Amino acid sequence: MRKNRDASTLERLGRLFWYTVEFGLIFENGAPKIYGSGIISSHSECSNLLGGGCEVQEFNLEKILDTPVTVDRIHHLLFAIGSFDQLYEAMREAEERVLSHS
């Protein structure tokens, strides 16, 4: 049972990493700006985002943890933080969740 819970926790934390470090966006003057290393290094992903082919939702930790990652297709949904402080706080919250379930 613990092994399944650990795998689920790792998968959810991986989603947080994916939608922030790899494909992270930040709102600046109401518009999403790219900061994630995966999206910034992909012309196709950048073009898709800037061309309106990708829905951008406000950062929501619970929604991100529940949104599966697809690595072999262009994204149609990404999340944007309002500030890096918001991201740091979300990381602390995720850490607390993991520690309280271990």
Protein backbone atom coordinates (compact mmCIF):
# COMPACT_ATOMS: atom_id res chain seq x y z
CA MET A 1 0.00 0.00 0.00
CA ARG A 2 2.78 2.46 0.91
CA LYS A 3 4.55 1.74 -2.39
CA ASN A 4 1.42 2.76 -4.35
CA ARG A 5 1.05 5.92 -2.24
CA ASP A 6 4.72 6.78 -2.79
CA ALA A 7 4.36 6.29 -6.56
CA SER A 8 1.25 8.48 -6.60
CA THR A 9 3.02 11.19 -4.58
CA LEU A 10 6.01 11.14 -6.93
CA GLU A 11 3.75 11.37 -9.97
CA ARG A 12 1.89 14.37 -8.52
CA LEU A 13 5.15 16.12 -7.59
CA GLY A 14 6.39 15.41 -11.10
CA ARG A 15 3.36 17.26 -12.43
CA LEU A 16 4.24 20.26 -10.29
CA PHE A 17 7.78 20.17 -11.68
CA TRP A 18 6.48 19.80 -15.24
CA TYR A 19 4.02 22.68 -15.11
CA THR A 20 6.45 25.05 -13.36
CA VAL A 21 10.12 24.31 -14.03
CA GLU A 22 9.62 22.77 -17.49
CA PHE A 23 6.52 24.51 -18.86
CA GLY A 24 6.08 27.40 -16.46
CA LEU A 25 4.48 30.70 -17.32
CA ILE A 26 4.20 33.89 -15.29
CA PHE A 27 1.70 36.69 -15.75
CA GLU A 28 3.28 40.05 -16.49
CA ASN A 29 0.94 42.99 -17.09
CA GLY A 30 -1.90 40.50 -17.57
CA ALA A 31 -0.16 38.50 -20.29
CA PRO A 32 1.56 35.12 -19.88
CA LYS A 33 5.34 35.19 -20.24
CA ILE A 34 7.46 32.08 -20.65
CA TYR A 35 10.04 31.02 -18.07
CA GLY A 36 10.00 27.20 -18.14
CA SER A 37 13.02 25.52 -19.71
CA GLY A 38 10.98 22.99 -21.72
CA ILE A 39 8.71 25.51 -23.35
CA ILE A 40 11.38 28.16 -23.90
CA SER A 41 13.50 25.62 -25.79
CA SER A 42 10.66 24.51 -28.08
CA HIS A 43 9.76 26.71 -31.04
CA SER A 44 6.57 24.69 -31.59
CA GLU A 45 5.42 25.08 -27.98
CA CYS A 46 6.19 28.82 -27.97
CA SER A 47 4.39 29.35 -31.27
CA ASN A 48 1.41 27.37 -30.02
CA LEU A 49 1.18 29.45 -26.85
CA LEU A 50 1.72 32.82 -28.51
CA GLY A 51 -0.66 31.91 -31.34
CA GLY A 52 -3.50 31.17 -28.93
CA GLY A 53 -3.46 27.40 -29.29
CA CYS A 54 -2.94 26.85 -25.57
CA GLU A 55 -5.34 27.72 -22.76
CA VAL A 56 -3.58 29.48 -19.89
CA GLN A 57 -5.15 29.13 -16.45
CA GLU A 58 -4.14 30.80 -13.23
CA PHE A 59 -1.82 28.71 -11.10
CA ASN A 60 -3.75 26.37 -8.83
CA LEU A 61 -1.72 23.80 -6.91
CA GLU A 62 -4.50 21.25 -6.56
CA LYS A 63 -5.44 21.44 -10.23
CA ILE A 64 -1.80 21.09 -11.29
CA LEU A 65 -1.32 18.06 -9.05
CA ASP A 66 -4.39 16.48 -10.69
CA THR A 67 -3.54 17.36 -14.33
CA PRO A 68 -1.77 14.52 -16.14
CA VAL A 69 1.38 15.26 -18.10
CA THR A 70 1.58 14.46 -21.80
CA VAL A 71 5.14 14.56 -23.07
CA ASP A 72 4.57 13.58 -26.69
CA ARG A 73 2.08 16.26 -27.77
CA ILE A 74 1.90 20.03 -27.92
CA HIS A 75 0.25 21.42 -24.80
CA HIS A 76 -3.29 22.74 -24.91
CA LEU A 77 -3.35 23.72 -21.22
CA LEU A 78 -0.69 25.43 -19.14
CA PHE A 79 -0.70 27.36 -15.87
CA ALA A 80 0.69 30.79 -15.07
CA ILE A 81 1.88 31.99 -11.68
CA GLY A 82 1.30 35.55 -10.58
CA SER A 83 4.74 35.81 -8.97
CA PHE A 84 7.68 33.64 -8.05
CA ASP A 85 6.65 34.08 -4.40
CA GLN A 86 3.45 32.22 -5.29
CA LEU A 87 5.55 29.39 -6.69
CA TYR A 88 7.78 29.25 -3.61
CA GLU A 89 4.71 29.08 -1.38
CA ALA A 90 3.21 26.28 -3.50
CA MET A 91 6.47 24.32 -3.18
CA ARG A 92 6.33 24.70 0.60
CA GLU A 93 2.72 23.55 0.60
CA ALA A 94 3.53 20.53 -1.58
CA GLU A 95 6.43 19.64 0.73
CA GLU A 96 4.14 19.83 3.77
CA ARG A 97 1.62 17.56 2.06
CA VAL A 98 4.29 14.99 1.25
CA LEU A 99 5.75 15.05 4.76
CA SER A 100 2.32 14.77 6.41
CA HIS A 101 1.52 11.67 4.31
CA SER A 102 4.80 9.84 4.88
